[in-house]
Amino acid sequence: MKNYWKYLFGLLVVGLSWSCSHASKTEEPLTYAAQKMPEKRNDIAWENNLATYRMYSKTLLAAEPNTSNGVDIWFKKQAAPMIDKMFTYENYHSEQVEGVDAYSVNGKTLGAGGIAAFTNDSLWLHEPYVDCEITATGPLLAEFTLYYHNVEIAGDSYCKTVRITTEANGLLNKAVVKYEGKDKPMKLAAGIYLHTNQLPHQPDGVKFFEKDMIAYAENPSEGHVTSPNPRIYVGVYMPGATDTLTYNHQYLLLRDYTVGSEITYYFGGGWNIFPAGRYSVDSDWWKAMLQFKETALQTVK
C-alpha cells in the first residue's frame, strides 16, 4: 500500500511539473502595446513576435510639426518583445541586438499601411491621434483604439477612430476604421510610402498587386543597418477594394466608403533578416501576402 501511495504522489508531481512548464510556455508574451515617452512623443507602439509598429500622437507636433497619421515599422531580430528596450537606446535607427528602426515615414505620408480619405482627387492626410485607449496587451493579442478629432476632408470636419489588433504570429495587423461627420461621396485609401522622393536614398523598390491587395519590397530607407543585404517588406489587404493608384510617391489601395460605417483592412510588414530564411527573395513576401489573404477569406466564410 505504501508503494501505491508513492506511485500516486509521483504521478501528481509529474503532472504538476508538466502543467507549470506548459503554462509558462503559453504565457510568454508574444504581443505588446504601450504608449511611450508621454512627455515628448506619446507614441503608441505595438508588436507581435514578427514585427514592431508605432503611430504618432499630437504631443509630437510641438517638436515635429510635419507629422501626420502614417504608420512606422521597426524590424525585429528576435521574437521577444523589443519596444521597451529600443526606447532606452540613444539611437534606435542604429541596428541593435533586438532590431532596428530602418523605415522613414518622412512626414506627411501613410508610411507602412496608414489610411486616409480620398476625394476630389486628393488624399486627406491629417494630424496624429488625440487619444489612445489600450484594451489588451498580450500575451497573445494586443489591441487599442486611436481617436482623431477635426479631420478635414474637402472643407468638412470629421471624427475618426481606428481600432488596431495584432495577434501572435500574425503577418498583418487588423484595423477597423470609422469616420463620423457630413455624409458625402468618398473613398478610403490605405497605402504604402514608396520613398521615391527621398534622395539620396535609392529604394530599388518593387510593387506587387493582386485583387484587394498591394505589397512593396525595397531597401532600408533610413538608419544604420549592419545585417547583410537587408530588404524591407510592407503589405496592405483591403477586402472590397475598387482600384489602385500611385499618388504623391505612395502606392494606394482604394475602396468606396459610406460615412458612419466601419470598414476592416489589414496592414503590416517585415524584412528578410528575421525570421531567418522566410523571405529569401521578394517573391516570398508576395507569397506570404497571398497566403494571408486566402486564410482571411476562409475565416470570413
Protein backbone atom coordinates (compact mmCIF):
# COMPACT_ATOMS: atom_id res chain seq x y z
CA MET A 1 0.00 0.00 0.00
CA LYS A 2 2.90 2.33 0.85
CA ASN A 3 4.36 1.83 -2.64
CA TYR A 4 0.94 2.54 -4.13
CA TRP A 5 0.75 5.95 -2.43
CA LYS A 6 4.31 6.72 -3.53
CA TYR A 7 3.25 5.88 -7.09
CA LEU A 8 0.25 8.23 -6.92
CA PHE A 9 2.37 11.00 -5.41
CA GLY A 10 4.88 10.59 -8.22
CA LEU A 11 2.16 10.95 -10.86
CA LEU A 12 0.90 14.09 -9.13
CA VAL A 13 4.37 15.67 -9.09
CA VAL A 14 4.94 14.87 -12.76
CA GLY A 15 1.52 16.23 -13.67
CA LEU A 16 2.06 19.46 -11.77
CA SER A 17 5.52 19.87 -13.26
CA TRP A 18 4.13 19.44 -16.79
CA SER A 19 1.28 21.84 -16.09
CA CYS A 20 3.59 24.53 -14.73
CA SER A 21 6.01 24.09 -17.63
CA HIS A 22 3.18 24.17 -20.15
CA ALA A 23 1.63 27.25 -18.57
CA SER A 24 4.92 29.14 -18.58
CA LYS A 25 5.38 28.45 -22.27
CA THR A 26 1.90 29.64 -23.22
CA GLU A 27 2.24 32.77 -21.10
CA GLU A 28 5.45 34.02 -22.72
CA PRO A 29 4.40 37.38 -24.22
CA LEU A 30 4.31 37.43 -28.00
CA THR A 31 2.31 40.66 -28.31
CA TYR A 32 2.59 44.00 -26.54
CA ALA A 33 1.27 47.58 -26.76
CA ALA A 34 2.25 50.71 -24.81
CA GLN A 35 2.37 54.48 -25.10
CA LYS A 36 5.98 55.64 -24.89
CA MET A 37 7.69 58.89 -23.84
CA PRO A 38 4.40 60.62 -22.86
CA GLU A 39 6.02 64.00 -22.19
CA LYS A 40 7.75 64.33 -25.58
CA ARG A 41 6.08 61.91 -28.00
CA ASN A 42 3.34 59.72 -26.50
CA ASP A 43 3.68 57.32 -29.45
CA ILE A 44 1.58 54.17 -29.43
CA ALA A 45 3.98 51.30 -30.07
CA TRP A 46 2.89 47.71 -30.54
CA GLU A 47 4.34 44.42 -31.68
CA ASN A 48 3.98 40.71 -32.10
CA ASN A 49 6.75 38.14 -32.49
CA LEU A 50 7.30 39.11 -36.16
CA ALA A 51 7.36 42.93 -36.34
CA THR A 52 7.02 46.16 -34.34
CA TYR A 53 5.00 49.27 -35.22
CA ARG A 54 4.19 52.72 -33.93
CA MET A 55 1.91 55.66 -34.69
CA TYR A 56 2.23 59.22 -33.51
CA SER A 57 0.22 61.44 -31.13
CA LYS A 58 -0.44 65.19 -31.25
CA THR A 59 2.15 65.58 -28.48
CA LEU A 60 4.86 65.16 -31.12
CA LEU A 61 3.64 68.15 -33.17
CA ALA A 62 5.41 70.61 -30.87
CA ALA A 63 8.78 69.18 -31.91
CA GLU A 64 7.89 67.75 -35.34
CA PRO A 65 5.02 69.79 -36.87
CA ASN A 66 5.15 67.89 -40.16
CA THR A 67 3.93 64.66 -38.51
CA SER A 68 0.66 63.07 -39.64
CA ASN A 69 -1.24 59.77 -39.30
CA GLY A 70 1.23 57.44 -41.01
CA VAL A 71 2.46 54.08 -39.67
CA ASP A 72 6.08 53.42 -38.72
CA ILE A 73 7.55 49.92 -38.69
CA TRP A 74 10.59 48.54 -36.84
CA PHE A 75 12.32 45.33 -37.82
CA LYS A 76 12.99 42.58 -35.32
CA LYS A 77 15.89 40.17 -35.00
CA GLN A 78 14.27 38.00 -32.34
CA ALA A 79 10.74 37.02 -31.34
CA ALA A 80 10.88 38.53 -27.83
CA PRO A 81 9.28 41.94 -27.20
CA MET A 82 11.65 44.79 -28.14
CA ILE A 83 9.72 48.04 -27.60
CA ASP A 84 10.75 48.90 -24.05
CA LYS A 85 14.40 48.10 -24.72
CA MET A 86 14.55 50.04 -28.00
CA PHE A 87 13.28 53.21 -26.35
CA THR A 88 16.26 53.10 -23.96
CA TYR A 89 18.78 53.45 -26.79
CA GLU A 90 20.10 56.86 -27.74
CA ASN A 91 19.64 55.96 -31.41
CA TYR A 92 17.19 53.18 -32.32
CA HIS A 93 17.89 53.91 -36.00
CA SER A 94 21.19 52.13 -35.47
CA GLU A 95 20.81 48.34 -35.57
CA GLN A 96 20.79 46.74 -32.12
CA VAL A 97 20.65 43.15 -30.85
CA GLU A 98 16.84 43.38 -30.78
CA GLY A 99 16.37 45.01 -34.18
CA VAL A 100 16.28 48.43 -35.85
CA ASP A 101 14.07 51.29 -36.98
CA ALA A 102 15.18 51.44 -40.62
CA TYR A 103 11.92 52.81 -42.06
CA SER A 104 11.28 56.50 -42.75
CA VAL A 105 7.67 57.72 -42.66
CA ASN A 106 9.07 61.08 -43.82
CA GLY A 107 6.42 63.46 -42.52
CA LYS A 108 3.01 63.59 -44.19
CA THR A 109 2.69 60.12 -45.71
CA LEU A 110 0.73 56.95 -44.92
CA GLY A 111 4.02 55.17 -44.14
CA ALA A 112 3.68 51.41 -43.80
CA GLY A 113 -0.06 50.95 -44.26
CA GLY A 114 -1.85 54.01 -42.89
CA ILE A 115 -5.31 55.03 -44.11
CA ALA A 116 -6.98 58.32 -45.08
CA ALA A 117 -9.94 59.60 -47.08
CA PHE A 118 -9.55 60.14 -50.82
CA THR A 119 -11.89 62.55 -52.60
CA ASN A 120 -11.67 65.39 -55.11
CA ASP A 121 -8.54 63.70 -56.47
CA SER A 122 -6.77 64.34 -53.15
CA LEU A 123 -5.52 62.23 -50.24
CA TRP A 124 -6.67 63.82 -46.99
CA LEU A 125 -3.88 63.08 -44.54
CA HIS A 126 -4.39 64.60 -41.11
CA GLU A 127 -2.80 65.29 -37.72
CA PRO A 128 -1.79 62.47 -35.34
CA TYR A 129 -4.16 60.93 -32.82
CA VAL A 130 -5.58 62.86 -29.86
CA ASP A 131 -6.41 59.94 -27.57
CA CYS A 132 -5.47 56.27 -27.32
CA GLU A 133 -7.25 53.52 -25.40
CA ILE A 134 -5.34 50.26 -24.91
CA THR A 135 -7.74 47.38 -24.30
CA ALA A 136 -5.37 44.39 -24.50
CA THR A 137 -1.61 43.96 -24.29
CA GLY A 138 -0.63 40.32 -24.58
CA PRO A 139 0.47 37.66 -24.21
CA LEU A 140 -1.14 36.50 -27.49
CA LEU A 141 -3.12 39.59 -28.57
CA ALA A 142 -2.74 43.36 -28.31
CA GLU A 143 -5.50 45.84 -29.17
CA PHE A 144 -6.06 49.58 -28.91
CA THR A 145 -8.21 52.35 -30.40
CA LEU A 146 -6.96 55.68 -31.73
CA TYR A 147 -9.19 58.77 -31.74
CA TYR A 148 -8.67 61.60 -34.23
CA HIS A 149 -10.55 64.91 -33.99
CA ASN A 150 -11.13 67.70 -36.53
CA VAL A 151 -10.06 65.61 -39.51
CA GLU A 152 -10.54 67.80 -42.58
CA ILE A 153 -11.93 66.22 -45.74
CA ALA A 154 -12.62 68.65 -48.60
CA GLY A 155 -13.68 71.50 -46.33
CA ASP A 156 -15.65 69.48 -43.76
CA SER A 157 -14.56 68.30 -40.31
CA TYR A 158 -14.80 64.64 -39.21
CA CYS A 159 -14.04 62.44 -36.23
CA LYS A 160 -12.13 59.26 -36.99
CA THR A 161 -11.50 56.11 -34.96
CA VAL A 162 -9.10 53.28 -35.79
CA ARG A 163 -9.14 50.07 -33.75
CA ILE A 164 -5.98 48.04 -34.33
CA THR A 165 -5.46 44.42 -33.31
CA THR A 166 -2.30 42.35 -33.59
CA GLU A 167 -2.06 38.64 -32.84
CA ALA A 168 0.85 36.33 -32.14
CA ASN A 169 2.32 35.00 -35.42
CA GLY A 170 0.08 37.36 -37.42
CA LEU A 171 1.60 38.60 -40.67
CA LEU A 172 -0.61 41.72 -40.74
CA ASN A 173 -2.45 43.90 -38.23
CA LYS A 174 -6.24 44.19 -38.37
CA ALA A 175 -7.67 47.72 -38.45
CA VAL A 176 -11.34 48.73 -38.13
CA VAL A 177 -11.88 52.30 -39.33
CA LYS A 178 -14.81 54.70 -38.95
CA TYR A 179 -15.36 58.33 -39.94
CA GLU A 180 -18.24 60.37 -38.48
CA GLY A 181 -19.45 63.65 -39.94
CA LYS A 182 -21.16 65.03 -43.03
CA ASP A 183 -22.34 62.37 -45.46
CA LYS A 184 -20.76 62.80 -48.88
CA PRO A 185 -19.19 60.53 -51.51
CA MET A 186 -15.62 59.47 -50.77
CA LYS A 187 -13.18 56.61 -50.87
CA LEU A 188 -10.76 55.39 -48.26
CA ALA A 189 -7.16 54.82 -49.30
CA ALA A 190 -4.76 52.55 -47.44
CA GLY A 191 -1.26 52.86 -48.73
CA ILE A 192 2.49 52.39 -48.69
CA TYR A 193 5.08 55.14 -48.95
CA LEU A 194 7.46 54.31 -51.81
CA HIS A 195 10.42 56.54 -50.77
CA THR A 196 10.94 57.51 -54.41
CA ASN A 197 11.36 61.20 -53.49
CA GLN A 198 13.73 60.68 -50.56
CA LEU A 199 17.09 61.48 -52.12
CA PRO A 200 19.81 60.30 -51.99
CA HIS A 201 18.03 57.12 -50.87
CA GLN A 202 17.68 54.56 -53.66
CA PRO A 203 14.79 52.26 -52.71
CA ASP A 204 15.23 49.79 -55.58
CA GLY A 205 11.53 49.26 -54.99
CA VAL A 206 9.30 46.58 -56.48
CA LYS A 207 5.48 46.81 -56.35
CA PHE A 208 3.10 43.86 -56.34
CA PHE A 209 -0.66 43.82 -56.92
CA GLU A 210 -3.36 41.19 -56.50
CA LYS A 211 -7.13 41.72 -56.15
CA ASP A 212 -7.77 43.64 -52.89
CA MET A 213 -4.05 43.64 -52.09
CA ILE A 214 -0.85 45.64 -52.64
CA ALA A 215 2.70 44.94 -51.47
CA TYR A 216 6.10 46.54 -51.76
CA ALA A 217 9.74 45.50 -51.40
CA GLU A 218 12.60 47.99 -51.02
CA ASN A 219 15.92 48.77 -49.38
CA PRO A 220 16.03 50.31 -45.88
CA SER A 221 15.06 53.99 -46.05
CA GLU A 222 16.96 55.26 -43.01
CA GLY A 223 19.26 54.28 -40.17
CA HIS A 224 22.46 52.27 -39.87
CA VAL A 225 21.78 48.63 -40.74
CA THR A 226 24.60 46.14 -40.26
CA SER A 227 22.78 42.96 -41.30
CA PRO A 228 23.90 41.91 -44.81
CA ASN A 229 21.73 42.72 -47.85
CA PRO A 230 18.62 43.87 -45.94
CA ARG A 231 15.33 44.02 -47.78
CA ILE A 232 12.18 45.69 -46.37
CA TYR A 233 8.61 44.45 -46.98
CA VAL A 234 5.20 46.10 -46.49
CA GLY A 235 1.73 44.94 -47.47
CA VAL A 236 -1.94 46.00 -47.35
CA TYR A 237 -5.03 43.83 -47.79
CA MET A 238 -8.41 45.61 -48.08
CA PRO A 239 -11.47 43.48 -48.93
CA GLY A 240 -13.76 45.28 -51.37
CA ALA A 241 -11.03 47.43 -52.92
CA THR A 242 -12.00 49.00 -56.24
CA ASP A 243 -8.71 50.22 -57.68
CA THR A 244 -5.06 51.16 -57.07
CA LEU A 245 -3.25 54.42 -57.61
CA THR A 246 0.25 55.83 -57.31
CA TYR A 247 -0.20 59.24 -55.72
CA ASN A 248 2.49 61.60 -54.38
CA HIS A 249 5.06 58.80 -54.02
CA GLN A 250 2.56 56.47 -52.33
CA TYR A 251 1.03 53.23 -53.56
CA LEU A 252 -2.69 53.36 -52.70
CA LEU A 253 -5.43 50.74 -52.46
CA LEU A 254 -8.87 52.37 -52.59
CA ARG A 255 -12.44 51.34 -51.80
CA ASP A 256 -15.80 53.12 -51.68
CA TYR A 257 -16.85 54.34 -48.26
CA THR A 258 -20.10 55.44 -46.59
CA VAL A 259 -19.63 57.92 -43.76
CA GLY A 260 -20.65 56.43 -40.40
CA SER A 261 -19.91 52.83 -41.38
CA GLU A 262 -16.98 50.63 -40.34
CA ILE A 263 -14.54 49.06 -42.76
CA THR A 264 -11.84 46.50 -41.99
CA TYR A 265 -8.46 46.25 -43.63
CA TYR A 266 -5.07 44.71 -42.80
CA PHE A 267 -1.53 46.08 -42.94
CA GLY A 268 1.97 45.13 -41.85
CA GLY A 269 5.47 44.23 -42.88
CA GLY A 270 8.76 42.54 -42.16
CA TRP A 271 12.22 42.03 -43.58
CA ASN A 272 14.46 39.31 -44.97
CA ILE A 273 16.65 39.08 -41.84
CA PHE A 274 14.04 37.69 -39.43
CA PRO A 275 12.62 35.10 -39.24
CA ALA A 276 15.72 33.72 -40.90
CA GLY A 277 15.09 32.12 -44.29
CA ARG A 278 11.41 33.05 -44.51
CA TYR A 279 11.79 35.78 -47.15
CA SER A 280 14.88 34.86 -49.16
CA VAL A 281 13.65 36.83 -52.19
CA ASP A 282 10.96 39.47 -52.74
CA SER A 283 8.53 36.93 -54.18
CA ASP A 284 8.49 35.12 -50.82
CA TRP A 285 6.78 38.19 -49.37
CA TRP A 286 4.21 38.16 -52.19
CA LYS A 287 3.50 34.51 -51.40
CA ALA A 288 3.11 35.24 -47.69
CA MET A 289 0.63 38.03 -48.51
CA LEU A 290 -1.37 35.75 -50.81
CA GLN A 291 -1.48 33.07 -48.14
CA PHE A 292 -2.71 35.63 -45.59
CA LYS A 293 -5.45 36.72 -47.97
CA GLU A 294 -6.55 33.14 -48.61
CA THR A 295 -6.68 32.40 -44.87
CA ALA A 296 -8.66 35.58 -44.22
CA LEU A 297 -11.17 34.67 -46.93
CA GLN A 298 -11.67 31.20 -45.46
CA THR A 299 -12.18 32.72 -41.99
CA VAL A 300 -14.93 35.01 -43.31
CA LYS A 301 -16.66 32.06 -44.97
